[in-house]
């Protein structure tokens, strides 16, 4: 009897393997066979199911990174309430813990035969002391399911320069993101937070890819330093681009201060000391975001921030042949350059570009007098490039990450130091400095 069942199962298994290979080749997704689960597009299982204890703990920036942080995590449906317990890291170990409640969301993955419902939790820790380390844990006090304690540190309001890391597209290797963060964090432990300009996974409607992306952070670096994401076209229910960012929204708890007429979590802004950051969704609703973008930049001008930085996925200046984004250039380019945005970080074209400083669409002599656009990729998936007149530096087949330092020099003048490092050889591929 078992032999007959086995013979009947062989054709089904063969078909499953063929479908896995074909889909994996089509979507450029990694194939991971495990004894307990086989995950492939439109299929049944995730190798990283939820459980009673919290996992996928991710910090994101609060509106002001010197005084707050946003926290996000998930569990299985057995936990109905979420709480963050925290205290200053140098407080007595047996001292009282502060508590902040979390908002719970049911996250559905109907394509999964198991673990198709999870609970996502989002909380904001506000009114924290600048430049202070905090220990925290997340969980459900009713069930007693808690995470381990993690530590993060708010950014100081003054003192030495702060820095952050930017990643371009990560999509082709979601399961290796944790190793990348680990490597970069060991090389630049001073970095206060991370940013990414979208396309973190190849197909945003497949939860197992998000599970692989977040499970790769096995050292908990994302629970220690905030990640500020921007949505790319692959984060949507690709390729239909329906107006949902289901799993993206479940993974990241970002400031809900975007355009009031659009779903929150797609576009947002935050500050870090003397710098203003604005994140945009370049896949849709460009005109609706333009009005909000202008108001945000006007507020940043009035507040007198030394530097303004914008992050979104599709570059206004394209290096991939046959692909352009004229609507982005039309709707956002004049606003970014008119309000003196210093640096724009993009992805999408899977190559490296740094433009000359641009004002009103034309290059200017001084790096302080215009807007610099950077396109970058942080995985080994590359496109052909075309040379464009706006370019200062163009590199093909070069995965990089960017370190940006912002502070004041010994004369008290604001500076921004930008360095692009090779992902594999750690060599400096490009750099420039702005001083005001």
Protein backbone atom coordinates (compact mmCIF):
# COMPACT_ATOMS: atom_id res chain seq x y z
CA UNK A 1 0.00 0.00 0.00
CA UNK A 2 2.72 2.59 0.84
CA UNK A 3 4.47 1.73 -2.45
CA UNK A 4 1.29 2.43 -4.46
CA UNK A 5 0.86 5.77 -2.71
CA UNK A 6 4.48 6.62 -3.43
CA UNK A 7 4.06 5.79 -7.13
CA UNK A 8 0.99 8.05 -7.31
CA UNK A 9 2.87 10.87 -5.57
CA UNK A 10 5.84 10.84 -7.95
CA UNK A 11 4.08 12.65 -10.87
CA UNK A 12 2.74 15.30 -8.48
CA UNK A 13 6.18 15.82 -6.99
CA UNK A 14 7.71 16.04 -10.47
CA UNK A 15 5.17 18.69 -11.53
CA UNK A 16 5.82 20.67 -8.33
CA UNK A 17 9.57 20.69 -8.97
CA UNK A 18 9.12 21.77 -12.60
CA UNK A 19 6.74 24.57 -11.57
CA UNK A 20 9.23 25.66 -8.92
CA UNK A 21 12.09 25.84 -11.42
CA UNK A 22 10.06 27.65 -14.09
CA UNK A 23 8.62 30.20 -11.67
CA UNK A 24 11.96 30.75 -10.01
CA UNK A 25 13.61 31.43 -13.36
CA UNK A 26 10.77 33.76 -14.41
CA UNK A 27 10.78 35.81 -11.21
CA UNK A 28 14.53 35.57 -10.60
CA UNK A 29 13.82 34.25 -7.11
CA UNK A 30 16.07 31.92 -5.12
CA UNK A 31 15.08 28.26 -4.85
CA UNK A 32 15.28 26.88 -1.33
CA UNK A 33 14.35 23.26 -0.79
CA UNK A 34 13.91 22.24 2.82
CA UNK A 35 12.67 18.98 4.32
CA UNK A 36 9.70 20.69 5.97
CA UNK A 37 8.69 23.18 3.28
CA UNK A 38 9.03 23.98 -0.38
CA UNK A 39 8.23 27.60 -1.19
CA UNK A 40 7.57 28.79 -4.70
CA UNK A 41 5.32 31.41 -6.31
CA UNK A 42 1.55 30.98 -6.07
CA UNK A 43 2.17 28.07 -3.72
CA UNK A 44 1.55 26.57 -0.35
CA UNK A 45 4.16 27.16 2.33
CA UNK A 46 6.57 29.68 3.78
CA UNK A 47 9.86 28.43 5.22
CA UNK A 48 9.50 31.03 8.00
CA UNK A 49 6.02 30.71 9.54
CA UNK A 50 4.86 32.85 12.45
CA UNK A 51 4.75 31.51 15.98
CA UNK A 52 3.50 32.50 19.43
CA UNK A 53 6.63 34.51 20.23
CA UNK A 54 7.21 37.80 18.40
CA UNK A 55 9.56 37.83 15.44
CA UNK A 56 10.32 40.13 12.48
CA UNK A 57 11.03 42.97 14.90
CA UNK A 58 11.87 46.09 12.87
CA UNK A 59 12.53 49.65 14.00
CA UNK A 60 11.63 52.58 11.76
CA UNK A 61 12.13 56.32 12.24
CA UNK A 62 9.65 58.28 14.30
CA UNK A 63 9.00 61.85 13.04
CA UNK A 64 12.05 62.98 15.06
CA UNK A 65 14.85 60.44 15.45
CA UNK A 66 16.36 62.29 18.39
CA UNK A 67 13.28 61.67 20.54
CA UNK A 68 11.41 58.64 19.20
CA UNK A 69 11.32 55.42 17.24
CA UNK A 70 8.63 53.24 15.67
CA UNK A 71 8.49 49.49 16.38
CA UNK A 72 6.91 46.69 14.35
CA UNK A 73 6.62 42.91 14.86
CA UNK A 74 4.41 39.90 14.13
CA UNK A 75 3.06 36.78 15.84
CA UNK A 76 0.62 34.03 15.06
CA UNK A 77 -3.10 34.71 15.72
CA UNK A 78 -2.82 33.37 19.26
CA UNK A 79 -1.70 36.82 20.46
CA UNK A 80 -4.39 39.48 20.43
CA UNK A 81 -2.67 42.29 22.30
CA UNK A 82 0.71 43.92 21.79
CA UNK A 83 2.83 45.98 24.17
CA UNK A 84 6.33 47.44 24.15
CA UNK A 85 8.07 47.43 27.52
CA UNK A 86 11.18 49.60 27.76
CA UNK A 87 13.53 51.58 29.99
CA UNK A 88 16.83 53.39 29.71
CA UNK A 89 19.66 50.93 29.27
CA UNK A 90 21.61 52.19 32.29
CA UNK A 91 18.56 51.96 34.60
CA UNK A 92 18.57 49.23 37.28
CA UNK A 93 17.84 45.81 35.80
CA UNK A 94 15.10 45.17 38.34
CA UNK A 95 13.62 48.66 37.93
CA UNK A 96 10.15 49.40 36.53
CA UNK A 97 9.44 49.16 32.81
CA UNK A 98 7.51 51.77 30.84
CA UNK A 99 4.79 50.42 28.57
CA UNK A 100 3.37 51.56 25.23
CA UNK A 101 0.43 49.75 23.61
CA UNK A 102 0.60 48.59 20.01
CA UNK A 103 -1.98 48.65 17.25
CA UNK A 104 -2.82 45.17 15.93
CA UNK A 105 -3.56 44.33 12.27
CA UNK A 106 -4.63 40.99 10.78
CA UNK A 107 -2.39 40.20 7.81
CA UNK A 108 -3.79 37.77 5.25
CA UNK A 109 -1.80 35.60 2.85
CA UNK A 110 -4.52 33.58 1.07
CA UNK A 111 -1.99 31.88 -1.20
CA UNK A 112 -0.55 29.97 1.77
CA UNK A 113 -2.12 26.68 2.83
CA UNK A 114 -0.70 27.17 6.32
CA UNK A 115 0.04 30.29 8.33
CA UNK A 116 -2.18 32.33 6.04
CA UNK A 117 -3.20 34.63 8.91
CA UNK A 118 -0.74 36.51 11.12
CA UNK A 119 -1.02 39.40 13.54
CA UNK A 120 1.08 42.48 12.94
CA UNK A 121 1.78 44.97 15.72
CA UNK A 122 2.91 48.61 15.47
CA UNK A 123 3.84 51.01 18.26
CA UNK A 124 5.57 54.37 18.61
CA UNK A 125 7.93 55.22 21.45
CA UNK A 126 7.88 58.99 21.84
CA UNK A 127 9.28 61.62 24.23
CA UNK A 128 12.56 59.74 24.61
CA UNK A 129 15.80 61.38 25.72
CA UNK A 130 18.17 62.29 22.86
CA UNK A 131 21.45 60.40 22.68
CA UNK A 132 20.20 57.73 25.08
CA UNK A 133 20.29 53.94 24.85
CA UNK A 134 17.08 52.03 25.63
CA UNK A 135 16.38 48.37 26.23
CA UNK A 136 13.01 47.01 25.16
CA UNK A 137 11.00 43.92 24.47
CA UNK A 138 7.71 43.35 22.67
CA UNK A 139 4.93 40.87 23.29
CA UNK A 140 1.50 40.05 24.66
CA UNK A 141 1.16 40.37 28.46
CA UNK A 142 -2.03 38.28 28.36
CA UNK A 143 -0.33 35.20 26.88
CA UNK A 144 3.13 35.87 28.32
CA UNK A 145 4.74 35.58 24.87
CA UNK A 146 7.65 38.05 24.86
CA UNK A 147 10.63 38.64 22.65
CA UNK A 148 14.15 38.85 23.99
CA UNK A 149 15.36 42.29 25.06
CA UNK A 150 16.89 44.49 22.35
CA UNK A 151 18.75 47.79 22.57
CA UNK A 152 18.56 50.93 20.44
CA UNK A 153 19.91 54.44 20.87
CA UNK A 154 18.28 57.74 19.98
CA UNK A 155 20.33 60.28 18.03
CA UNK A 156 21.96 63.03 20.07
CA UNK A 157 20.79 66.58 19.39
CA UNK A 158 24.32 67.89 19.00
CA UNK A 159 27.92 66.73 19.12
CA UNK A 160 29.70 64.70 16.47
CA UNK A 161 28.29 64.11 13.01
CA UNK A 162 25.63 61.47 12.56
CA UNK A 163 25.53 59.12 9.59
CA UNK A 164 23.20 56.75 7.80
CA UNK A 165 23.46 53.96 5.23
CA UNK A 166 21.50 53.84 1.97
CA UNK A 167 20.81 50.63 0.02
CA UNK A 168 19.57 50.53 -3.55
CA UNK A 169 17.55 47.62 -4.94
CA UNK A 170 17.99 44.44 -2.90
CA UNK A 171 15.43 42.34 -4.70
CA UNK A 172 17.31 39.42 -6.22
CA UNK A 173 18.63 38.06 -2.93
CA UNK A 174 16.15 38.75 -0.11
CA UNK A 175 17.56 35.94 2.02
CA UNK A 176 20.98 37.60 2.08
CA UNK A 177 19.87 41.01 3.31
CA UNK A 178 20.74 40.20 6.91
CA UNK A 179 24.31 39.31 5.96
CA UNK A 180 24.60 42.59 4.07
CA UNK A 181 23.36 44.62 7.03
CA UNK A 182 25.66 42.71 9.35
CA UNK A 183 28.68 43.41 7.15
CA UNK A 184 27.88 47.09 6.72
CA UNK A 185 27.11 47.57 10.41
CA UNK A 186 30.42 46.06 11.45
CA UNK A 187 32.23 48.33 9.02
CA UNK A 188 30.27 51.46 10.03
CA UNK A 189 28.97 50.91 13.58
CA UNK A 190 28.48 54.66 13.99
CA UNK A 191 25.62 54.74 11.44
CA UNK A 192 22.41 55.80 13.17
CA UNK A 193 19.91 54.27 10.74
CA UNK A 194 19.42 52.65 7.34
CA UNK A 195 17.46 53.76 4.27
CA UNK A 196 16.41 51.85 1.18
CA UNK A 197 14.95 53.24 -2.04
CA UNK A 198 12.67 50.29 -2.72
CA UNK A 199 12.47 46.89 -4.43
CA UNK A 200 13.51 44.94 -1.37
CA UNK A 201 11.96 41.76 -2.78
CA UNK A 202 11.31 40.57 -6.32
CA UNK A 203 7.56 40.09 -5.97
CA UNK A 204 5.86 41.98 -3.17
CA UNK A 205 2.67 39.90 -3.24
CA UNK A 206 4.50 36.74 -2.13
CA UNK A 207 4.76 36.62 1.63
CA UNK A 208 7.44 33.98 1.73
CA UNK A 209 9.86 36.44 0.10
CA UNK A 210 9.15 38.99 2.85
CA UNK A 211 9.59 36.22 5.42
CA UNK A 212 12.96 35.35 3.87
CA UNK A 213 13.95 39.02 3.79
CA UNK A 214 13.16 39.61 7.46
CA UNK A 215 14.31 36.18 8.70
CA UNK A 216 17.74 36.86 7.20
CA UNK A 217 18.27 39.44 9.96
CA UNK A 218 19.32 36.67 12.33
CA UNK A 219 21.46 39.00 14.46
CA UNK A 220 18.61 41.43 15.08
CA UNK A 221 20.27 44.47 13.52
CA UNK A 222 16.90 45.85 12.40
CA UNK A 223 15.70 45.64 15.99
CA UNK A 224 18.63 47.86 17.01
CA UNK A 225 18.72 50.51 14.26
CA UNK A 226 15.79 52.00 12.34
CA UNK A 227 15.22 51.20 8.68
CA UNK A 228 13.49 53.91 6.61
CA UNK A 229 12.03 52.21 3.51
CA UNK A 230 10.59 53.63 0.30
CA UNK A 231 8.17 51.47 -1.71
CA UNK A 232 9.33 50.34 -5.15
CA UNK A 233 7.29 48.91 -8.00
CA UNK A 234 8.14 45.37 -6.88
CA UNK A 235 6.68 46.03 -3.43
CA UNK A 236 3.22 46.27 -4.96
CA UNK A 237 1.09 43.35 -6.03
CA UNK A 238 3.41 43.15 -9.01
CA UNK A 239 2.88 43.30 -11.93
CA UNK A 240 -0.73 44.47 -11.61
CA UNK A 241 0.27 47.30 -9.23
CA UNK A 242 -3.07 47.25 -7.45
CA UNK A 243 -3.39 49.97 -4.85
CA UNK A 244 -2.13 47.77 -2.02
CA UNK A 245 1.16 47.35 -0.23
CA UNK A 246 -0.12 44.51 1.93
CA UNK A 247 3.04 42.84 3.17
CA UNK A 248 5.19 45.97 2.87
CA UNK A 249 2.78 47.83 5.16
CA UNK A 250 2.78 44.91 7.58
CA UNK A 251 6.57 44.87 7.78
CA UNK A 252 7.26 48.57 8.46
CA UNK A 253 5.71 51.03 10.88
CA UNK A 254 6.67 54.41 9.42
CA UNK A 255 5.39 57.88 10.38
CA UNK A 256 1.78 58.47 9.38
CA UNK A 257 2.31 62.04 8.29
CA UNK A 258 1.97 61.62 4.53
CA UNK A 259 -0.56 63.15 2.15
CA UNK A 260 -3.91 63.18 4.00
CA UNK A 261 -5.84 62.07 0.91
CA UNK A 262 -3.70 58.95 0.35
CA UNK A 263 -3.14 55.75 2.37
CA UNK A 264 -0.64 56.35 5.14
CA UNK A 265 2.71 54.58 5.19
CA UNK A 266 3.58 55.13 1.53
CA UNK A 267 4.98 58.68 1.79
CA UNK A 268 6.28 60.23 4.99
CA UNK A 269 8.86 62.59 6.42
CA UNK A 270 11.13 62.66 9.44
CA UNK A 271 13.99 64.69 10.84
CA UNK A 272 17.36 63.84 12.32
CA UNK A 273 19.10 66.73 14.01
CA UNK A 274 19.87 69.34 11.31
CA UNK A 275 18.58 67.27 8.36
CA UNK A 276 15.13 66.82 6.89
CA UNK A 277 14.18 63.57 5.11
CA UNK A 278 11.21 62.99 2.83
CA UNK A 279 10.21 59.59 1.41
CA UNK A 280 7.91 59.34 -1.63
CA UNK A 281 6.03 56.59 -3.45
CA UNK A 282 7.06 56.97 -7.09
CA UNK A 283 4.86 54.13 -8.39
CA UNK A 284 1.56 56.02 -8.36
CA UNK A 285 -0.36 59.20 -7.36
CA UNK A 286 2.49 61.50 -8.35
CA UNK A 287 0.36 64.64 -8.65
CA UNK A 288 -1.40 64.00 -5.34
CA UNK A 289 1.97 63.71 -3.61
CA UNK A 290 3.33 66.84 -5.31
CA UNK A 291 1.15 69.21 -3.30
CA UNK A 292 2.13 67.53 -0.04
CA UNK A 293 5.80 67.49 -1.10
CA UNK A 294 5.75 71.24 -1.69
CA UNK A 295 4.15 71.94 1.69
CA UNK A 296 6.67 69.69 3.47
CA UNK A 297 9.59 71.40 1.76
CA UNK A 298 8.16 74.81 2.62
CA UNK A 299 8.00 73.79 6.28
CA UNK A 300 11.57 72.48 6.09
CA UNK A 301 12.70 75.79 4.56
CA UNK A 302 10.99 77.73 7.34
CA UNK A 303 12.57 75.52 10.01
CA UNK A 304 16.02 76.18 8.58
CA UNK A 305 17.34 72.64 8.22
CA UNK A 306 20.89 72.58 6.91
CA UNK A 307 20.23 69.67 4.55
CA UNK A 308 17.20 68.21 2.81
CA UNK A 309 17.26 64.65 1.45
CA UNK A 310 14.59 62.91 -0.64
CA UNK A 311 14.27 59.16 -1.20
CA UNK A 312 12.08 57.38 -3.77
CA UNK A 313 12.42 54.48 -6.17
CA UNK A 314 12.19 55.63 -9.81
CA UNK A 315 15.00 57.99 -10.85
CA UNK A 316 14.12 61.21 -12.69
CA UNK A 317 17.35 60.81 -14.70
CA UNK A 318 17.53 57.35 -16.24
CA UNK A 319 20.49 55.25 -17.18
CA UNK A 320 18.65 52.18 -18.45
CA UNK A 321 18.08 52.47 -22.22
CA UNK A 322 14.48 52.81 -23.33
CA UNK A 323 13.09 53.63 -19.90
CA UNK A 324 12.32 57.12 -18.63
CA UNK A 325 10.15 58.68 -15.94
CA UNK A 326 9.01 62.00 -17.41
CA UNK A 327 6.06 62.33 -15.01
CA UNK A 328 8.38 62.18 -12.00
CA UNK A 329 10.68 64.76 -13.54
CA UNK A 330 7.69 66.95 -14.38
CA UNK A 331 5.83 66.69 -11.05
CA UNK A 332 8.68 66.50 -8.55
CA UNK A 333 11.88 67.71 -10.23
CA UNK A 334 11.07 71.46 -10.14
CA UNK A 335 9.95 71.25 -6.51
CA UNK A 336 13.05 69.38 -5.38
CA UNK A 337 15.40 71.79 -7.14
CA UNK A 338 13.48 75.00 -6.32
CA UNK A 339 13.53 74.21 -2.60
CA UNK A 340 17.19 73.27 -2.60
CA UNK A 341 16.95 69.56 -1.83
CA UNK A 342 20.60 68.59 -1.59
CA UNK A 343 20.48 64.87 -2.30
CA UNK A 344 17.96 62.55 -3.96
CA UNK A 345 18.46 58.80 -3.53
CA UNK A 346 16.90 56.42 -6.09
CA UNK A 347 17.07 52.82 -7.33
CA UNK A 348 15.23 50.96 -10.10
CA UNK A 349 17.82 51.20 -12.92
CA UNK A 350 20.24 48.63 -11.42
CA UNK A 351 23.37 50.64 -12.08
CA UNK A 352 25.20 53.54 -10.44
CA UNK A 353 24.68 57.20 -11.32
CA UNK A 354 25.56 60.48 -9.68
CA UNK A 355 24.40 63.55 -11.53
CA UNK A 356 26.00 66.93 -11.63
CA UNK A 357 24.36 69.47 -9.32
CA UNK A 358 21.15 70.45 -11.13
CA UNK A 359 19.04 73.60 -10.85
CA UNK A 360 16.00 74.11 -13.08
CA UNK A 361 17.10 71.01 -14.97
CA UNK A 362 20.55 72.43 -15.80
CA UNK A 363 23.93 71.73 -14.27
CA UNK A 364 25.48 74.37 -12.03
CA UNK A 365 29.11 74.92 -11.19
CA UNK A 366 28.98 74.43 -7.42
CA UNK A 367 27.87 71.27 -5.62
CA UNK A 368 26.23 73.55 -3.05
CA UNK A 369 24.10 75.27 -5.69
CA UNK A 370 21.99 72.41 -7.03
CA UNK A 371 20.34 69.05 -6.41
CA UNK A 372 22.40 65.87 -6.81
CA UNK A 373 20.57 62.70 -7.88
CA UNK A 374 22.02 59.28 -7.05
CA UNK A 375 20.84 55.96 -8.47
CA UNK A 376 22.22 52.81 -6.86
CA UNK A 377 21.78 49.04 -6.72
CA UNK A 378 22.75 46.78 -3.81
CA UNK A 379 22.37 43.36 -5.39
CA UNK A 380 23.94 41.52 -8.32
CA UNK A 381 21.15 42.13 -10.81
CA UNK A 382 22.28 44.65 -13.42
CA UNK A 383 20.92 46.41 -16.50
CA UNK A 384 22.70 47.91 -19.49
CA UNK A 385 23.38 51.63 -19.14
CA UNK A 386 23.25 54.60 -21.46
CA UNK A 387 25.44 57.66 -20.97
CA UNK A 388 23.46 60.80 -20.15
CA UNK A 389 24.66 64.44 -20.22
CA UNK A 390 23.52 65.12 -16.63
CA UNK A 391 25.90 62.46 -15.27
CA UNK A 392 28.96 63.22 -13.21
CA UNK A 393 29.71 59.53 -12.50
CA UNK A 394 28.22 56.41 -14.09
CA UNK A 395 29.19 52.81 -13.27
CA UNK A 396 27.87 49.57 -14.75
CA UNK A 397 27.67 46.22 -12.94
CA UNK A 398 28.63 47.78 -9.61
CA UNK A 399 26.62 46.91 -6.50
CA UNK A 400 27.18 49.60 -3.89
CA UNK A 401 25.93 51.06 -0.64
CA UNK A 402 26.18 54.70 0.41
CA UNK A 403 27.41 56.18 3.69
CA UNK A 404 26.24 59.76 4.30
CA UNK A 405 27.66 61.79 7.21
CA UNK A 406 26.05 65.05 8.27
CA UNK A 407 27.44 67.47 10.84
CA UNK A 408 29.41 70.68 11.31
CA UNK A 409 33.10 71.27 10.77
CA UNK A 410 35.49 72.97 13.19
CA UNK A 411 34.32 76.36 11.94
CA UNK A 412 30.72 75.48 12.67
CA UNK A 413 29.76 75.16 9.01
CA UNK A 414 27.31 72.39 8.04
CA UNK A 415 28.73 69.62 5.88
CA UNK A 416 27.45 66.50 4.13
CA UNK A 417 30.05 63.86 3.27
CA UNK A 418 28.90 61.23 0.77
CA UNK A 419 30.77 57.99 0.02
CA UNK A 420 29.71 55.09 -2.20
CA UNK A 421 31.40 51.77 -1.34
CA UNK A 422 31.61 48.65 -3.47
CA UNK A 423 29.51 45.89 -1.99
CA UNK A 424 32.07 43.16 -2.59
CA UNK A 425 35.49 44.84 -2.47
CA UNK A 426 34.59 47.64 -0.01
CA UNK A 427 36.51 50.05 -2.22
CA UNK A 428 35.44 53.69 -2.53
CA UNK A 429 33.62 54.00 -5.86
CA UNK A 430 32.54 57.63 -5.57
CA UNK A 431 32.53 60.48 -3.07
CA UNK A 432 31.80 64.16 -2.72
CA UNK A 433 31.38 66.76 0.03
CA UNK A 434 28.91 69.59 0.48
CA UNK A 435 29.65 72.52 2.80
CA UNK A 436 27.36 75.44 3.48
